[in-house]
Structures are given as C-alpha cells and as structure tokens.
N, C-alpha and C. Protein backbone atom coordinates (compact mmCIF):
# COMPACT_ATOMS: atom_id res chain seq x y z
N MET A 1 20.66 -0.25 -30.51
CA MET A 1 20.19 -0.29 -31.88
C MET A 1 21.11 0.53 -32.80
N ARG A 2 21.58 1.68 -32.30
CA ARG A 2 22.43 2.54 -33.12
C ARG A 2 23.70 1.81 -33.59
N GLU A 3 24.30 1.05 -32.68
CA GLU A 3 25.53 0.33 -33.02
C GLU A 3 25.28 -0.69 -34.14
N LYS A 4 24.16 -1.40 -34.03
CA LYS A 4 23.80 -2.40 -35.03
C LYS A 4 23.59 -1.74 -36.40
N ILE A 5 22.87 -0.61 -36.42
CA ILE A 5 22.61 0.11 -37.67
C ILE A 5 23.92 0.64 -38.26
N ALA A 6 24.76 1.21 -37.42
CA ALA A 6 26.05 1.72 -37.89
C ALA A 6 26.90 0.61 -38.49
N GLU A 7 26.87 -0.57 -37.87
CA GLU A 7 27.62 -1.71 -38.36
C GLU A 7 27.08 -2.18 -39.72
N LEU A 8 25.75 -2.30 -39.82
CA LEU A 8 25.13 -2.70 -41.10
C LEU A 8 25.41 -1.68 -42.19
N LEU A 9 25.33 -0.41 -41.84
CA LEU A 9 25.58 0.67 -42.78
C LEU A 9 27.03 0.63 -43.27
N GLN A 10 27.96 0.46 -42.36
CA GLN A 10 29.37 0.41 -42.75
C GLN A 10 29.64 -0.77 -43.68
N HIS A 11 29.05 -1.90 -43.38
CA HIS A 11 29.22 -3.07 -44.24
C HIS A 11 28.68 -2.78 -45.66
N ALA A 12 27.51 -2.14 -45.73
CA ALA A 12 26.92 -1.79 -47.04
C ALA A 12 27.79 -0.79 -47.78
N LEU A 13 28.37 0.17 -47.07
CA LEU A 13 29.24 1.15 -47.71
C LEU A 13 30.55 0.50 -48.17
N ASP A 14 31.02 -0.47 -47.42
CA ASP A 14 32.23 -1.20 -47.83
C ASP A 14 32.01 -1.96 -49.14
N GLU A 15 30.76 -2.34 -49.40
CA GLU A 15 30.42 -3.05 -50.65
C GLU A 15 30.55 -2.13 -51.86
N ASN A 16 30.39 -0.83 -51.66
CA ASN A 16 30.51 0.15 -52.73
C ASN A 16 31.38 1.31 -52.24
N PRO A 17 32.71 1.21 -52.40
CA PRO A 17 33.64 2.19 -51.83
C PRO A 17 33.49 3.62 -52.38
N SER A 18 32.77 3.80 -53.49
CA SER A 18 32.58 5.16 -54.00
C SER A 18 31.53 5.92 -53.20
N LEU A 19 30.76 5.20 -52.37
CA LEU A 19 29.74 5.84 -51.53
C LEU A 19 30.32 6.13 -50.15
N PHE A 20 29.82 7.20 -49.52
CA PHE A 20 30.27 7.52 -48.17
C PHE A 20 29.14 8.17 -47.38
N LEU A 21 29.22 8.04 -46.08
CA LEU A 21 28.19 8.53 -45.18
C LEU A 21 28.34 10.02 -44.92
N ILE A 22 27.23 10.73 -45.02
CA ILE A 22 27.19 12.14 -44.64
C ILE A 22 26.57 12.26 -43.25
N ASP A 23 25.47 11.56 -43.01
CA ASP A 23 24.79 11.69 -41.73
C ASP A 23 23.95 10.46 -41.43
N LEU A 24 23.91 10.09 -40.17
CA LEU A 24 23.04 9.04 -39.67
C LEU A 24 22.34 9.58 -38.43
N THR A 25 21.01 9.67 -38.50
CA THR A 25 20.25 10.11 -37.32
C THR A 25 19.19 9.06 -37.00
N ILE A 26 19.01 8.86 -35.72
CA ILE A 26 17.98 7.95 -35.22
C ILE A 26 17.24 8.68 -34.11
N THR A 27 15.95 8.89 -34.31
CA THR A 27 15.15 9.60 -33.31
C THR A 27 14.76 8.65 -32.19
N GLU A 28 14.16 9.20 -31.15
CA GLU A 28 13.73 8.40 -30.00
C GLU A 28 12.68 7.36 -30.39
N ASN A 29 11.87 7.66 -31.40
CA ASN A 29 10.85 6.70 -31.84
C ASN A 29 11.32 5.88 -33.04
N ASN A 30 12.64 5.69 -33.15
CA ASN A 30 13.28 4.81 -34.14
C ASN A 30 13.03 5.20 -35.59
N GLN A 31 13.00 6.46 -35.87
CA GLN A 31 13.00 6.91 -37.26
C GLN A 31 14.47 7.04 -37.66
N ILE A 32 14.87 6.21 -38.60
CA ILE A 32 16.27 6.15 -39.03
C ILE A 32 16.39 6.92 -40.34
N ARG A 33 17.34 7.86 -40.37
CA ARG A 33 17.58 8.65 -41.59
C ARG A 33 19.06 8.58 -41.92
N VAL A 34 19.36 8.05 -43.11
CA VAL A 34 20.73 7.89 -43.57
C VAL A 34 20.92 8.79 -44.80
N THR A 35 21.92 9.66 -44.73
CA THR A 35 22.24 10.51 -45.88
C THR A 35 23.61 10.10 -46.39
N ILE A 36 23.67 9.78 -47.69
CA ILE A 36 24.92 9.33 -48.31
C ILE A 36 25.27 10.23 -49.48
N ASP A 37 26.52 10.15 -49.90
CA ASP A 37 26.99 10.82 -51.11
C ASP A 37 27.93 9.85 -51.79
N GLY A 38 28.34 10.18 -52.99
CA GLY A 38 29.24 9.30 -53.73
C GLY A 38 30.20 10.08 -54.59
N ASP A 39 31.36 9.51 -54.80
CA ASP A 39 32.38 10.17 -55.62
C ASP A 39 31.89 10.41 -57.05
N GLU A 40 31.00 9.54 -57.53
CA GLU A 40 30.42 9.71 -58.87
C GLU A 40 28.93 9.98 -58.76
N GLY A 41 28.49 10.53 -57.64
CA GLY A 41 27.07 10.77 -57.43
C GLY A 41 26.41 9.55 -56.80
N VAL A 42 25.12 9.67 -56.56
CA VAL A 42 24.35 8.59 -55.95
C VAL A 42 23.15 8.28 -56.82
N LYS A 43 22.99 7.01 -57.16
CA LYS A 43 21.84 6.57 -57.95
C LYS A 43 20.75 6.05 -57.01
N VAL A 44 19.54 6.01 -57.52
CA VAL A 44 18.43 5.45 -56.74
C VAL A 44 18.77 4.03 -56.30
N GLU A 45 19.40 3.26 -57.18
CA GLU A 45 19.77 1.89 -56.87
C GLU A 45 20.72 1.83 -55.66
N ASP A 46 21.58 2.84 -55.52
CA ASP A 46 22.49 2.88 -54.38
C ASP A 46 21.71 3.05 -53.08
N CYS A 47 20.74 3.94 -53.09
CA CYS A 47 19.91 4.16 -51.90
C CYS A 47 19.12 2.89 -51.55
N ILE A 48 18.60 2.22 -52.58
CA ILE A 48 17.85 0.98 -52.36
C ILE A 48 18.76 -0.08 -51.75
N ALA A 49 19.98 -0.22 -52.26
CA ALA A 49 20.91 -1.24 -51.75
C ALA A 49 21.26 -0.97 -50.28
N ILE A 50 21.50 0.27 -49.94
CA ILE A 50 21.82 0.62 -48.55
C ILE A 50 20.61 0.34 -47.66
N SER A 51 19.43 0.73 -48.14
CA SER A 51 18.20 0.51 -47.38
C SER A 51 17.98 -0.97 -47.11
N ARG A 52 18.13 -1.77 -48.13
CA ARG A 52 17.92 -3.22 -47.97
C ARG A 52 18.95 -3.84 -47.03
N ALA A 53 20.19 -3.36 -47.13
CA ALA A 53 21.25 -3.92 -46.26
C ALA A 53 20.94 -3.67 -44.79
N ILE A 54 20.28 -2.57 -44.50
CA ILE A 54 19.91 -2.28 -43.11
C ILE A 54 18.60 -2.96 -42.75
N GLU A 55 17.58 -2.71 -43.56
CA GLU A 55 16.22 -3.17 -43.24
C GLU A 55 16.12 -4.69 -43.13
N HIS A 56 16.77 -5.41 -44.03
CA HIS A 56 16.66 -6.86 -44.05
C HIS A 56 17.41 -7.54 -42.90
N ASN A 57 18.20 -6.75 -42.17
CA ASN A 57 18.96 -7.32 -41.06
C ASN A 57 18.49 -6.82 -39.69
N LEU A 58 17.36 -6.13 -39.68
CA LEU A 58 16.74 -5.71 -38.43
C LEU A 58 15.40 -6.42 -38.29
N ASP A 59 15.01 -6.70 -37.07
CA ASP A 59 13.77 -7.42 -36.80
C ASP A 59 12.69 -6.45 -36.35
N ARG A 60 11.71 -6.20 -37.22
CA ARG A 60 10.60 -5.29 -36.88
C ARG A 60 9.75 -5.84 -35.73
N ASP A 61 9.70 -7.16 -35.58
CA ASP A 61 8.93 -7.75 -34.48
C ASP A 61 9.59 -7.44 -33.14
N ASN A 62 10.89 -7.32 -33.15
CA ASN A 62 11.65 -7.02 -31.95
C ASN A 62 11.59 -5.52 -31.61
N GLU A 63 11.74 -4.68 -32.64
CA GLU A 63 11.72 -3.23 -32.45
C GLU A 63 11.25 -2.57 -33.74
N ASP A 64 10.14 -1.83 -33.65
CA ASP A 64 9.60 -1.18 -34.84
C ASP A 64 10.47 0.02 -35.21
N PHE A 65 10.55 0.31 -36.52
CA PHE A 65 11.36 1.44 -36.99
C PHE A 65 10.87 1.89 -38.36
N SER A 66 11.25 3.10 -38.74
CA SER A 66 11.08 3.55 -40.12
C SER A 66 12.47 3.90 -40.62
N LEU A 67 12.68 3.70 -41.91
CA LEU A 67 14.01 3.90 -42.49
C LEU A 67 13.91 4.74 -43.74
N GLU A 68 14.77 5.73 -43.83
CA GLU A 68 14.84 6.60 -45.00
C GLU A 68 16.31 6.72 -45.39
N VAL A 69 16.64 6.38 -46.64
CA VAL A 69 17.99 6.52 -47.15
C VAL A 69 17.93 7.49 -48.32
N LEU A 70 18.72 8.55 -48.24
CA LEU A 70 18.69 9.56 -49.30
C LEU A 70 20.08 10.06 -49.62
N SER A 71 20.19 10.68 -50.78
CA SER A 71 21.48 11.24 -51.19
C SER A 71 21.54 12.70 -50.73
N ALA A 72 22.75 13.16 -50.51
CA ALA A 72 22.95 14.55 -50.12
C ALA A 72 22.48 15.43 -51.27
N GLY A 73 21.52 16.28 -51.00
CA GLY A 73 20.94 17.13 -52.03
C GLY A 73 21.88 18.24 -52.44
N VAL A 74 21.64 18.77 -53.62
CA VAL A 74 22.49 19.83 -54.14
C VAL A 74 22.37 21.10 -53.31
N SER A 75 21.26 21.26 -52.59
CA SER A 75 21.09 22.45 -51.77
C SER A 75 21.75 22.30 -50.40
N GLU A 76 22.25 21.11 -50.10
CA GLU A 76 22.89 20.86 -48.80
C GLU A 76 24.33 21.37 -48.83
N PRO A 77 24.79 21.93 -47.72
CA PRO A 77 26.19 22.37 -47.67
C PRO A 77 27.15 21.19 -47.71
N LEU A 78 28.34 21.44 -48.22
CA LEU A 78 29.39 20.42 -48.23
C LEU A 78 29.92 20.29 -46.81
N THR A 79 30.12 19.07 -46.35
CA THR A 79 30.57 18.86 -44.98
C THR A 79 31.87 18.07 -44.88
N LEU A 80 32.20 17.30 -45.90
CA LEU A 80 33.39 16.46 -45.86
C LEU A 80 34.38 16.86 -46.96
N LYS A 81 35.67 16.69 -46.69
CA LYS A 81 36.70 17.00 -47.69
C LYS A 81 36.45 16.21 -48.98
N ARG A 82 35.96 15.01 -48.83
CA ARG A 82 35.69 14.14 -49.99
C ARG A 82 34.65 14.78 -50.91
N GLN A 83 33.70 15.54 -50.35
CA GLN A 83 32.69 16.20 -51.17
C GLN A 83 33.31 17.34 -51.98
N TYR A 84 34.29 18.02 -51.42
CA TYR A 84 34.96 19.10 -52.15
C TYR A 84 35.69 18.52 -53.36
N LYS A 85 36.39 17.40 -53.14
CA LYS A 85 37.13 16.77 -54.24
C LYS A 85 36.18 16.35 -55.36
N LYS A 86 35.02 15.85 -54.98
CA LYS A 86 34.02 15.42 -55.95
C LYS A 86 33.53 16.60 -56.80
N ASN A 87 33.55 17.80 -56.23
CA ASN A 87 33.00 18.98 -56.90
C ASN A 87 34.06 19.89 -57.52
N LEU A 88 35.26 19.37 -57.72
CA LEU A 88 36.30 20.15 -58.42
C LEU A 88 35.77 20.62 -59.77
N GLY A 89 36.02 21.88 -60.10
CA GLY A 89 35.58 22.42 -61.38
C GLY A 89 34.21 23.06 -61.33
N ARG A 90 33.49 22.90 -60.23
CA ARG A 90 32.17 23.50 -60.09
C ARG A 90 32.27 24.84 -59.36
N LYS A 91 31.22 25.62 -59.50
CA LYS A 91 31.16 26.92 -58.84
C LYS A 91 30.61 26.74 -57.43
N LEU A 92 31.29 27.35 -56.45
CA LEU A 92 30.88 27.27 -55.06
C LEU A 92 30.50 28.64 -54.53
N SER A 93 29.57 28.64 -53.62
CA SER A 93 29.27 29.81 -52.80
C SER A 93 29.82 29.47 -51.42
N LEU A 94 30.70 30.33 -50.92
CA LEU A 94 31.45 30.02 -49.72
C LEU A 94 31.32 31.14 -48.70
N LYS A 95 31.07 30.76 -47.45
CA LYS A 95 31.05 31.73 -46.36
C LYS A 95 32.17 31.39 -45.40
N THR A 96 32.95 32.42 -45.07
CA THR A 96 33.94 32.28 -44.01
C THR A 96 33.45 33.15 -42.86
N GLY A 97 34.24 33.29 -41.84
CA GLY A 97 33.82 34.10 -40.71
C GLY A 97 33.51 35.54 -41.06
N ASN A 98 34.21 36.09 -42.06
CA ASN A 98 34.04 37.51 -42.34
C ASN A 98 33.79 37.86 -43.81
N GLU A 99 33.64 36.89 -44.67
CA GLU A 99 33.38 37.22 -46.07
C GLU A 99 32.61 36.12 -46.80
N LYS A 100 32.04 36.52 -47.93
CA LYS A 100 31.36 35.58 -48.81
C LYS A 100 32.10 35.60 -50.14
N LEU A 101 32.34 34.42 -50.68
CA LEU A 101 33.03 34.28 -51.95
C LEU A 101 32.22 33.39 -52.87
N GLU A 102 32.33 33.66 -54.16
CA GLU A 102 31.77 32.77 -55.17
C GLU A 102 32.84 32.58 -56.23
N GLY A 103 33.11 31.32 -56.53
CA GLY A 103 34.12 31.07 -57.54
C GLY A 103 34.19 29.60 -57.90
N LYS A 104 35.01 29.33 -58.89
CA LYS A 104 35.20 27.95 -59.36
C LYS A 104 36.19 27.26 -58.44
N LEU A 105 35.82 26.08 -57.97
CA LEU A 105 36.69 25.27 -57.12
C LEU A 105 37.77 24.66 -58.00
N THR A 106 39.01 25.11 -57.83
CA THR A 106 40.08 24.66 -58.72
C THR A 106 41.09 23.74 -58.05
N GLN A 107 41.08 23.71 -56.71
CA GLN A 107 42.05 22.85 -56.03
C GLN A 107 41.53 22.48 -54.65
N VAL A 108 41.82 21.23 -54.26
CA VAL A 108 41.48 20.73 -52.93
C VAL A 108 42.68 19.94 -52.43
N ASP A 109 43.13 20.24 -51.21
CA ASP A 109 44.18 19.43 -50.60
C ASP A 109 43.79 19.17 -49.15
N ASP A 110 44.68 18.63 -48.37
CA ASP A 110 44.36 18.28 -46.98
C ASP A 110 44.12 19.50 -46.11
N GLU A 111 44.64 20.65 -46.52
CA GLU A 111 44.54 21.87 -45.71
C GLU A 111 43.32 22.73 -46.04
N GLY A 112 42.94 22.77 -47.32
CA GLY A 112 41.84 23.65 -47.72
C GLY A 112 41.57 23.61 -49.20
N ILE A 113 40.95 24.69 -49.70
CA ILE A 113 40.53 24.74 -51.09
C ILE A 113 41.02 26.04 -51.74
N THR A 114 40.99 26.04 -53.07
CA THR A 114 41.31 27.24 -53.84
C THR A 114 40.14 27.55 -54.76
N LEU A 115 39.69 28.80 -54.72
CA LEU A 115 38.63 29.30 -55.60
C LEU A 115 39.22 30.32 -56.55
N ARG A 116 38.70 30.34 -57.78
CA ARG A 116 39.08 31.36 -58.78
C ARG A 116 37.82 31.98 -59.35
N TRP A 117 37.86 33.26 -59.60
CA TRP A 117 36.74 33.95 -60.22
C TRP A 117 37.23 35.22 -60.90
N LYS A 118 36.43 35.73 -61.80
CA LYS A 118 36.74 36.98 -62.50
C LYS A 118 35.80 38.07 -62.00
N THR A 119 36.34 39.26 -61.91
CA THR A 119 35.53 40.39 -61.47
C THR A 119 35.95 41.65 -62.23
N ARG A 120 35.06 42.61 -62.27
CA ARG A 120 35.36 43.89 -62.92
C ARG A 120 35.76 44.88 -61.84
N GLU A 121 36.92 45.51 -62.04
CA GLU A 121 37.41 46.50 -61.09
C GLU A 121 37.80 47.77 -61.84
N PRO A 122 37.78 48.91 -61.14
CA PRO A 122 38.21 50.15 -61.79
C PRO A 122 39.66 50.04 -62.27
N LYS A 123 39.94 50.65 -63.42
CA LYS A 123 41.31 50.66 -63.94
C LYS A 123 42.22 51.39 -62.96
N PRO A 124 43.49 50.96 -62.86
CA PRO A 124 44.41 51.66 -61.96
C PRO A 124 44.63 53.12 -62.38
N VAL A 125 44.59 53.32 -63.70
CA VAL A 125 44.77 54.67 -64.23
C VAL A 125 43.67 54.93 -65.25
N GLY A 126 43.02 56.07 -65.16
CA GLY A 126 41.99 56.43 -66.13
C GLY A 126 40.62 55.92 -65.73
N LYS A 127 39.68 56.18 -66.66
CA LYS A 127 38.29 55.79 -66.39
C LYS A 127 38.02 54.39 -66.91
N GLY A 128 36.92 53.82 -66.45
CA GLY A 128 36.50 52.51 -66.93
C GLY A 128 36.91 51.39 -65.99
N LYS A 129 36.59 50.19 -66.42
CA LYS A 129 36.87 49.01 -65.61
C LYS A 129 37.65 48.00 -66.43
N VAL A 130 38.30 47.12 -65.72
CA VAL A 130 39.06 46.05 -66.35
C VAL A 130 38.70 44.74 -65.64
N THR A 131 38.70 43.64 -66.40
CA THR A 131 38.41 42.33 -65.82
C THR A 131 39.69 41.76 -65.23
N VAL A 132 39.62 41.34 -63.96
CA VAL A 132 40.78 40.74 -63.31
C VAL A 132 40.38 39.38 -62.74
N GLU A 133 41.36 38.48 -62.70
CA GLU A 133 41.10 37.18 -62.10
C GLU A 133 41.56 37.21 -60.65
N LYS A 134 40.71 36.72 -59.77
CA LYS A 134 41.02 36.66 -58.34
C LYS A 134 41.19 35.20 -57.94
N VAL A 135 42.02 34.97 -56.95
CA VAL A 135 42.27 33.64 -56.42
C VAL A 135 42.24 33.74 -54.90
N ALA A 136 41.54 32.80 -54.27
CA ALA A 136 41.52 32.75 -52.81
C ALA A 136 41.78 31.32 -52.36
N THR A 137 42.71 31.17 -51.45
CA THR A 137 42.97 29.88 -50.82
C THR A 137 42.38 29.96 -49.42
N VAL A 138 41.47 29.03 -49.12
CA VAL A 138 40.74 29.06 -47.86
C VAL A 138 40.97 27.76 -47.09
N PRO A 139 41.53 27.86 -45.88
CA PRO A 139 41.69 26.65 -45.06
C PRO A 139 40.32 26.09 -44.64
N PHE A 140 40.23 24.78 -44.52
CA PHE A 140 38.96 24.15 -44.14
C PHE A 140 38.41 24.70 -42.83
N GLN A 141 39.29 25.00 -41.86
CA GLN A 141 38.79 25.48 -40.57
C GLN A 141 38.15 26.86 -40.65
N ASP A 142 38.41 27.60 -41.74
CA ASP A 142 37.80 28.93 -41.91
C ASP A 142 36.45 28.88 -42.62
N ILE A 143 36.10 27.72 -43.20
CA ILE A 143 34.85 27.61 -43.95
C ILE A 143 33.69 27.41 -43.00
N VAL A 144 32.75 28.36 -43.04
CA VAL A 144 31.54 28.26 -42.24
C VAL A 144 30.49 27.45 -43.00
N GLU A 145 30.37 27.73 -44.31
CA GLU A 145 29.42 27.00 -45.15
C GLU A 145 29.88 27.08 -46.60
N ALA A 146 29.73 25.97 -47.31
CA ALA A 146 30.04 25.92 -48.74
C ALA A 146 28.95 25.15 -49.45
N LYS A 147 28.43 25.75 -50.52
CA LYS A 147 27.40 25.08 -51.31
C LYS A 147 27.76 25.15 -52.78
N VAL A 148 27.42 24.10 -53.48
CA VAL A 148 27.60 24.07 -54.93
C VAL A 148 26.52 24.94 -55.55
N MET A 149 26.92 25.80 -56.48
CA MET A 149 25.96 26.66 -57.17
C MET A 149 25.55 26.00 -58.47
N ILE A 150 24.28 25.95 -58.72
CA ILE A 150 23.75 25.40 -59.95
C ILE A 150 23.65 26.52 -60.97
N THR A 151 24.30 26.32 -62.11
CA THR A 151 24.24 27.33 -63.16
C THR A 151 23.59 26.72 -64.40
N PHE A 152 22.82 27.52 -65.06
CA PHE A 152 22.17 27.09 -66.30
C PHE A 152 22.76 27.90 -67.43
N ASN A 153 23.31 27.21 -68.41
CA ASN A 153 23.93 27.91 -69.55
C ASN A 153 22.94 28.13 -70.66
C-alpha cells in the first residue's frame, strides 16, 4: 500500500512543482498522514487536491484507511534545504550542537546558511555598550533544529 500511496502522491506533487513533501507516515491501521510545504506556501486548495489525488485512486472496499493532508506548520522545525530558501529574510531560531542563535536568514546555499543579527556589547574602551552586527555561517550538518520565529510589529 505504501508504494501505491507514494506513487499517487508523487504524481500529485508533479502536477504542482511548487509543492514538496515533508513527511509521509502510514500507521499499521492504515492512517495516512501527508505533510507538505510549498515555495509560496500551501493553500487549503493544495491540501484538497493532494488528498483527492490519493483518496480517489484507492479502493476503500479493498482496504480501509483514513487520510490526512496538512501543511507544515509554522511551529514545525525546518527539515529540507528547500524550506530554508523559502524562508530567506525571516528570523530563525537555530540550535547547533553547542549553541543557540537567533537571527535573520540572509543566505542559503548547498552547504549551509548565514544568519545576521544585532546585539549590544560592552565598548572596547570606556563604559557603556555599543550595537554590533554579528554574522554566523552554519553548515547544514551542524544544525540540530531550526524554526521560523513569528514576530509581531
């Protein structure tokens, strides 16, 4: 059954190349859960189209199942390089093996990402603090978790 669902799902995604698969899980009792994302976001209509492409090509009389198609939520960590590219210019919260960073995602390439942020640090000479801009380039293999931060202006 998994192969058939994966094939139907891939065909549906091929129909809309801006959409891509984040996760496909099928439980032992045939609960199918498809999580998708899109380069320009995901609309309800996109989820409906994917659902129909799968559901209408499976026979419930042959094997019962439940199907859920949803978009990757904003609280979900980024898992694919394509998701980082989609979120260029947004603020990320990033965990590596030994540090936590928060900054604006300014660059994505095949190797990793670049974050920029401003912080207040003590002046090199005298009292008080000065605002400095920090930049960190983080390889993908060092990223433990990355989430988009929602900011309200």
